[in-house]
Amino acid sequence: LGWRRATNDFIMRMEIGDLVWARKRADYYLGQIESDWEYRGSYEYKNTDAVNVRKCLWLSVPTLGHVPGKISASFRAGSTVQRVIQPSAITYSRYLYNQLAKREVYGLELSPEADIFSLLSDEDLEDLVGLYLQWKYKYLIQPSSCKRDTPLVEFELVSQDGKIKASASVKSGETPIDMSEYAT
């Protein structure tokens, strides 16, 4: 069961000093675990379904632009607790925590596996490609063409003079693009 895994992660795998991300509505917080696990069985904790607790120093993340796409995307997975193991996300989280705390809490060593592009969500990557095509080739994105039910095309573009139409398909990681799917 999912709750068992989440409880096990929360109790057994988190350590004092670990960083955690949280979201409440559209606001994000980055926190540092400050205590071991505690069980709180009083009514107020049971009523909010929060009987497993750890003390945490929470810092408010100023804007969504400070939240890596891979972090915000992890909140869509439906898990209560999800481990972040990506070196770039860990390094960035430490950097941001230091900035928000206004002191060096974590040393920053860049891992050989670190890759700034790995912090981008699928949507971030699509935005980056769209902005590049608009800037470099003066294309205009047709906003109404950005639909989730068209998996082969992220968005359609048109040249400023209206003579050229194009479509963009953006894939991340090792996902190949099968050109035969686009044949007309």
C-alpha atoms as a PDB file:
ATOM      1  CA  LEU A   1       0.000   0.000   0.000  1.00  0.00           C
ATOM      2  CA  GLY A   2       1.092   3.555  -0.759  1.00  0.00           C
ATOM      3  CA  TRP A   3       0.609   4.812   2.810  1.00  0.00           C
ATOM      4  CA  ARG A   4       2.908   2.094   4.155  1.00  0.00           C
ATOM      5  CA  ARG A   5       5.677   3.097   1.758  1.00  0.00           C
ATOM      6  CA  ALA A   6       5.192   6.789   2.585  1.00  0.00           C
ATOM      7  CA  THR A   7       5.228   6.092   6.326  1.00  0.00           C
ATOM      8  CA  ASN A   8       8.337   3.917   5.990  1.00  0.00           C
ATOM      9  CA  ASP A   9      10.106   6.639   3.981  1.00  0.00           C
ATOM     10  CA  PHE A  10       9.050   9.305   6.474  1.00  0.00           C
ATOM     11  CA  ILE A  11      10.081   7.310   9.543  1.00  0.00           C
ATOM     12  CA  MET A  12      13.056   5.236   8.383  1.00  0.00           C
ATOM     13  CA  ARG A  13      14.713   6.991   5.445  1.00  0.00           C
ATOM     14  CA  MET A  14      14.547  10.700   6.223  1.00  0.00           C
ATOM     15  CA  GLU A  15      17.414  11.948   8.320  1.00  0.00           C
ATOM     16  CA  ILE A  16      18.086  15.083  10.309  1.00  0.00           C
ATOM     17  CA  GLY A  17      19.528  17.622   7.882  1.00  0.00           C
ATOM     18  CA  ASP A  18      17.696  16.268   4.828  1.00  0.00           C
ATOM     19  CA  LEU A  19      15.907  18.806   2.684  1.00  0.00           C
ATOM     20  CA  VAL A  20      12.229  18.445   1.861  1.00  0.00           C
ATOM     21  CA  TRP A  21       9.944  20.308  -0.521  1.00  0.00           C
ATOM     22  CA  ALA A  22       6.310  20.997   0.264  1.00  0.00           C
ATOM     23  CA  ARG A  23       3.502  22.698  -1.584  1.00  0.00           C
ATOM     24  CA  LYS A  24       0.355  24.307  -0.257  1.00  0.00           C
ATOM     25  CA  ARG A  25      -1.895  25.408  -3.094  1.00  0.00           C
ATOM     26  CA  ALA A  26       0.448  27.394  -5.375  1.00  0.00           C
ATOM     27  CA  ASP A  27       3.040  28.177  -2.693  1.00  0.00           C
ATOM     28  CA  TYR A  28       6.225  26.137  -2.316  1.00  0.00           C
ATOM     29  CA  TYR A  29       8.380  25.647   0.756  1.00  0.00           C
ATOM     30  CA  LEU A  30      11.834  24.188   1.206  1.00  0.00           C
ATOM     31  CA  GLY A  31      12.536  22.743   4.621  1.00  0.00           C
ATOM     32  CA  GLN A  32      15.297  21.127   6.598  1.00  0.00           C
ATOM     33  CA  ILE A  33      14.474  18.135   8.826  1.00  0.00           C
ATOM     34  CA  GLU A  34      15.400  19.041  12.419  1.00  0.00           C
ATOM     35  CA  SER A  35      14.242  16.042  14.444  1.00  0.00           C
ATOM     36  CA  ASP A  36      13.694  12.337  14.444  1.00  0.00           C
ATOM     37  CA  TRP A  37      10.233  10.926  13.857  1.00  0.00           C
ATOM     38  CA  GLU A  38       7.592  11.393  16.537  1.00  0.00           C
ATOM     39  CA  TYR A  39       4.090   9.978  16.896  1.00  0.00           C
ATOM     40  CA  ARG A  40       1.446  12.472  17.997  1.00  0.00           C
ATOM     41  CA  GLY A  41      -1.832  10.764  18.873  1.00  0.00           C
ATOM     42  CA  SER A  42      -3.839  13.667  20.262  1.00  0.00           C
ATOM     43  CA  TYR A  43      -7.116  14.710  18.642  1.00  0.00           C
ATOM     44  CA  GLU A  44      -5.677  17.722  16.794  1.00  0.00           C
ATOM     45  CA  TYR A  45      -3.100  15.535  15.025  1.00  0.00           C
ATOM     46  CA  LYS A  46      -5.485  12.650  14.329  1.00  0.00           C
ATOM     47  CA  ASN A  47      -8.107  15.081  13.007  1.00  0.00           C
ATOM     48  CA  THR A  48      -5.676  16.414  10.387  1.00  0.00           C
ATOM     49  CA  ASP A  49      -4.305  12.943   9.590  1.00  0.00           C
ATOM     50  CA  ALA A  50      -0.836  14.074  10.663  1.00  0.00           C
ATOM     51  CA  VAL A  51       0.163  11.729  13.488  1.00  0.00           C
ATOM     52  CA  ASN A  52       3.654  11.016  12.094  1.00  0.00           C
ATOM     53  CA  VAL A  53       5.652  14.216  12.476  1.00  0.00           C
ATOM     54  CA  ARG A  54       9.154  15.585  12.284  1.00  0.00           C
ATOM     55  CA  LYS A  55      10.240  19.083  13.210  1.00  0.00           C
ATOM     56  CA  CYS A  56      11.259  20.993  10.135  1.00  0.00           C
ATOM     57  CA  LEU A  57      12.525  24.521   9.531  1.00  0.00           C
ATOM     58  CA  TRP A  58      10.434  25.730   6.592  1.00  0.00           C
ATOM     59  CA  LEU A  59      11.523  28.545   4.296  1.00  0.00           C
ATOM     60  CA  SER A  60       9.108  30.080   1.823  1.00  0.00           C
ATOM     61  CA  VAL A  61      10.212  29.857  -1.803  1.00  0.00           C
ATOM     62  CA  PRO A  62       9.589  33.345  -3.252  1.00  0.00           C
ATOM     63  CA  THR A  63       8.264  32.451  -6.713  1.00  0.00           C
ATOM     64  CA  LEU A  64       7.426  29.457  -8.862  1.00  0.00           C
ATOM     65  CA  GLY A  65      10.458  30.411 -10.963  1.00  0.00           C
ATOM     66  CA  HIS A  66      12.653  29.241  -8.067  1.00  0.00           C
ATOM     67  CA  VAL A  67      11.169  25.727  -8.186  1.00  0.00           C
ATOM     68  CA  PRO A  68      12.831  23.372 -10.676  1.00  0.00           C
ATOM     69  CA  GLY A  69      10.353  21.790 -13.071  1.00  0.00           C
ATOM     70  CA  LYS A  70      11.363  18.305 -11.960  1.00  0.00           C
ATOM     71  CA  ILE A  71      10.505  19.222  -8.369  1.00  0.00           C
ATOM     72  CA  SER A  72       7.101  20.712  -9.214  1.00  0.00           C
ATOM     73  CA  ALA A  73       6.381  17.742 -11.492  1.00  0.00           C
ATOM     74  CA  SER A  74       7.053  15.332  -8.624  1.00  0.00           C
ATOM     75  CA  PHE A  75       3.992  16.708  -6.829  1.00  0.00           C
ATOM     76  CA  ARG A  76       1.800  15.332  -9.640  1.00  0.00           C
ATOM     77  CA  ALA A  77       2.808  11.740  -8.904  1.00  0.00           C
ATOM     78  CA  GLY A  78       0.271  11.330  -6.112  1.00  0.00           C
ATOM     79  CA  SER A  79       2.804  10.080  -3.563  1.00  0.00           C
ATOM     80  CA  THR A  80       2.868  11.569  -0.087  1.00  0.00           C
ATOM     81  CA  VAL A  81       6.643  11.193   0.024  1.00  0.00           C
ATOM     82  CA  GLN A  82       8.821  10.978  -3.043  1.00  0.00           C
ATOM     83  CA  ARG A  83      12.607  10.730  -2.858  1.00  0.00           C
ATOM     84  CA  VAL A  84      14.620  13.061  -5.070  1.00  0.00           C
ATOM     85  CA  ILE A  85      17.817  11.348  -6.145  1.00  0.00           C
ATOM     86  CA  GLN A  86      18.752  13.439  -9.155  1.00  0.00           C
ATOM     87  CA  PRO A  87      22.162  15.082  -8.470  1.00  0.00           C
ATOM     88  CA  SER A  88      21.195  18.379 -10.111  1.00  0.00           C
ATOM     89  CA  ALA A  89      17.994  18.694  -8.078  1.00  0.00           C
ATOM     90  CA  ILE A  90      19.846  17.941  -4.841  1.00  0.00           C
ATOM     91  CA  THR A  91      22.582  20.489  -5.574  1.00  0.00           C
ATOM     92  CA  TYR A  92      20.055  23.142  -6.594  1.00  0.00           C
ATOM     93  CA  SER A  93      17.927  22.494  -3.478  1.00  0.00           C
ATOM     94  CA  ARG A  94      21.010  22.959  -1.279  1.00  0.00           C
ATOM     95  CA  TYR A  95      21.959  26.142  -3.134  1.00  0.00           C
ATOM     96  CA  LEU A  96      18.430  27.557  -2.809  1.00  0.00           C
ATOM     97  CA  TYR A  97      18.218  26.639   0.878  1.00  0.00           C
ATOM     98  CA  ASN A  98      21.507  28.472   1.508  1.00  0.00           C
ATOM     99  CA  GLN A  99      20.148  31.516  -0.335  1.00  0.00           C
ATOM    100  CA  LEU A 100      16.833  31.522   1.540  1.00  0.00           C
ATOM    101  CA  ALA A 101      18.535  30.943   4.910  1.00  0.00           C
ATOM    102  CA  LYS A 102      21.040  33.718   4.098  1.00  0.00           C
ATOM    103  CA  ARG A 103      23.903  31.521   5.291  1.00  0.00           C
ATOM    104  CA  GLU A 104      25.883  28.523   4.084  1.00  0.00           C
ATOM    105  CA  VAL A 105      24.155  25.526   5.597  1.00  0.00           C
ATOM    106  CA  TYR A 106      25.159  23.082   2.858  1.00  0.00           C
ATOM    107  CA  GLY A 107      28.419  22.822   0.979  1.00  0.00           C
ATOM    108  CA  LEU A 108      27.965  22.757  -2.759  1.00  0.00           C
ATOM    109  CA  GLU A 109      29.851  20.167  -4.735  1.00  0.00           C
ATOM    110  CA  LEU A 110      28.792  19.769  -8.329  1.00  0.00           C
ATOM    111  CA  SER A 111      28.381  16.122  -9.214  1.00  0.00           C
ATOM    112  CA  PRO A 112      29.792  14.909 -12.549  1.00  0.00           C
ATOM    113  CA  GLU A 113      26.230  13.751 -13.337  1.00  0.00           C
ATOM    114  CA  ALA A 114      24.827  17.261 -12.754  1.00  0.00           C
ATOM    115  CA  ASP A 115      22.994  18.643 -15.755  1.00  0.00           C
ATOM    116  CA  ILE A 116      21.012  21.878 -15.660  1.00  0.00           C
ATOM    117  CA  PHE A 117      18.643  20.542 -18.326  1.00  0.00           C
ATOM    118  CA  SER A 118      17.668  17.683 -16.015  1.00  0.00           C
ATOM    119  CA  LEU A 119      15.938  20.267 -13.805  1.00  0.00           C
ATOM    120  CA  LEU A 120      13.471  21.064 -16.578  1.00  0.00           C
ATOM    121  CA  SER A 121      10.026  19.510 -16.544  1.00  0.00           C
ATOM    122  CA  ASP A 122       8.378  18.422 -19.779  1.00  0.00           C
ATOM    123  CA  GLU A 123       6.488  21.731 -19.826  1.00  0.00           C
ATOM    124  CA  ASP A 124       9.688  23.722 -19.176  1.00  0.00           C
ATOM    125  CA  LEU A 125      11.354  22.023 -22.127  1.00  0.00           C
ATOM    126  CA  GLU A 126       8.378  22.752 -24.382  1.00  0.00           C
ATOM    127  CA  ASP A 127       8.444  26.404 -23.278  1.00  0.00           C
ATOM    128  CA  LEU A 128      12.173  26.630 -23.956  1.00  0.00           C
ATOM    129  CA  VAL A 129      11.796  25.224 -27.470  1.00  0.00           C
ATOM    130  CA  GLY A 130       8.807  27.476 -28.153  1.00  0.00           C
ATOM    131  CA  LEU A 131      10.624  30.603 -26.958  1.00  0.00           C
ATOM    132  CA  TYR A 132      13.697  29.694 -29.009  1.00  0.00           C
ATOM    133  CA  LEU A 133      11.658  29.233 -32.202  1.00  0.00           C
ATOM    134  CA  GLN A 134       9.876  32.529 -31.623  1.00  0.00           C
ATOM    135  CA  TRP A 135      13.107  34.385 -30.973  1.00  0.00           C
ATOM    136  CA  LYS A 136      15.389  32.761 -33.571  1.00  0.00           C
ATOM    137  CA  TYR A 137      12.981  32.236 -36.462  1.00  0.00           C
ATOM    138  CA  LYS A 138      10.321  34.846 -35.630  1.00  0.00           C
ATOM    139  CA  TYR A 139       7.578  32.203 -35.515  1.00  0.00           C
ATOM    140  CA  LEU A 140       4.437  32.848 -33.521  1.00  0.00           C
ATOM    141  CA  ILE A 141       2.965  30.096 -31.376  1.00  0.00           C
ATOM    142  CA  GLN A 142      -0.745  29.556 -31.781  1.00  0.00           C
ATOM    143  CA  PRO A 143      -1.834  29.192 -28.119  1.00  0.00           C
ATOM    144  CA  SER A 144      -5.036  27.316 -28.951  1.00  0.00           C
ATOM    145  CA  SER A 145      -2.931  24.534 -30.514  1.00  0.00           C
ATOM    146  CA  CYS A 146      -1.374  23.613 -27.142  1.00  0.00           C
ATOM    147  CA  LYS A 147      -3.536  20.641 -26.186  1.00  0.00           C
ATOM    148  CA  ARG A 148      -2.910  17.600 -24.016  1.00  0.00           C
ATOM    149  CA  ASP A 149      -4.924  15.380 -26.361  1.00  0.00           C
ATOM    150  CA  THR A 150      -2.459  15.820 -29.249  1.00  0.00           C
ATOM    151  CA  PRO A 151       0.548  13.820 -27.992  1.00  0.00           C
ATOM    152  CA  LEU A 152       2.493  14.063 -31.258  1.00  0.00           C
ATOM    153  CA  VAL A 153       2.421  17.868 -31.375  1.00  0.00           C
ATOM    154  CA  GLU A 154       3.135  20.222 -28.481  1.00  0.00           C
ATOM    155  CA  PHE A 155       2.097  23.355 -30.366  1.00  0.00           C
ATOM    156  CA  GLU A 156       1.719  24.807 -33.839  1.00  0.00           C
ATOM    157  CA  LEU A 157       3.508  27.851 -35.158  1.00  0.00           C
ATOM    158  CA  VAL A 158       3.050  30.257 -38.027  1.00  0.00           C
ATOM    159  CA  SER A 159       5.555  32.649 -39.593  1.00  0.00           C
ATOM    160  CA  GLN A 160       4.874  36.328 -39.023  1.00  0.00           C
ATOM    161  CA  ASP A 161       3.904  36.748 -42.681  1.00  0.00           C
ATOM    162  CA  GLY A 162       1.506  33.788 -42.389  1.00  0.00           C
ATOM    163  CA  LYS A 163       3.143  31.863 -45.263  1.00  0.00           C
ATOM    164  CA  ILE A 164       4.814  29.068 -43.275  1.00  0.00           C
ATOM    165  CA  LYS A 165       3.104  26.788 -40.780  1.00  0.00           C
ATOM    166  CA  ALA A 166       4.983  24.365 -38.560  1.00  0.00           C
ATOM    167  CA  SER A 167       4.413  21.997 -35.656  1.00  0.00           C
ATOM    168  CA  ALA A 168       6.731  21.185 -32.789  1.00  0.00           C
ATOM    169  CA  SER A 169       7.196  17.861 -31.065  1.00  0.00           C
ATOM    170  CA  VAL A 170       9.405  17.993 -27.987  1.00  0.00           C
ATOM    171  CA  LYS A 171      10.687  14.912 -26.169  1.00  0.00           C
ATOM    172  CA  SER A 172      12.999  14.757 -23.185  1.00  0.00           C
ATOM    173  CA  GLY A 173      15.613  12.277 -22.044  1.00  0.00           C
ATOM    174  CA  GLU A 174      16.192   9.293 -24.265  1.00  0.00           C
ATOM    175  CA  THR A 175      12.711   9.321 -25.809  1.00  0.00           C
ATOM    176  CA  PRO A 176      13.107   8.871 -29.565  1.00  0.00           C
ATOM    177  CA  ILE A 177      10.879  10.601 -32.095  1.00  0.00           C
ATOM    178  CA  ASP A 178       9.427   8.179 -34.639  1.00  0.00           C
ATOM    179  CA  MET A 179       9.265  10.265 -37.822  1.00  0.00           C
ATOM    180  CA  SER A 180       6.906   7.761 -39.471  1.00  0.00           C
ATOM    181  CA  GLU A 181       4.177   8.908 -37.077  1.00  0.00           C
ATOM    182  CA  TYR A 182       4.333  12.363 -38.674  1.00  0.00           C
ATOM    183  CA  ALA A 183       4.088  11.259 -42.317  1.00  0.00           C
ATOM    184  CA  THR A 184       1.104  12.697 -44.166  1.00  0.00           C
END
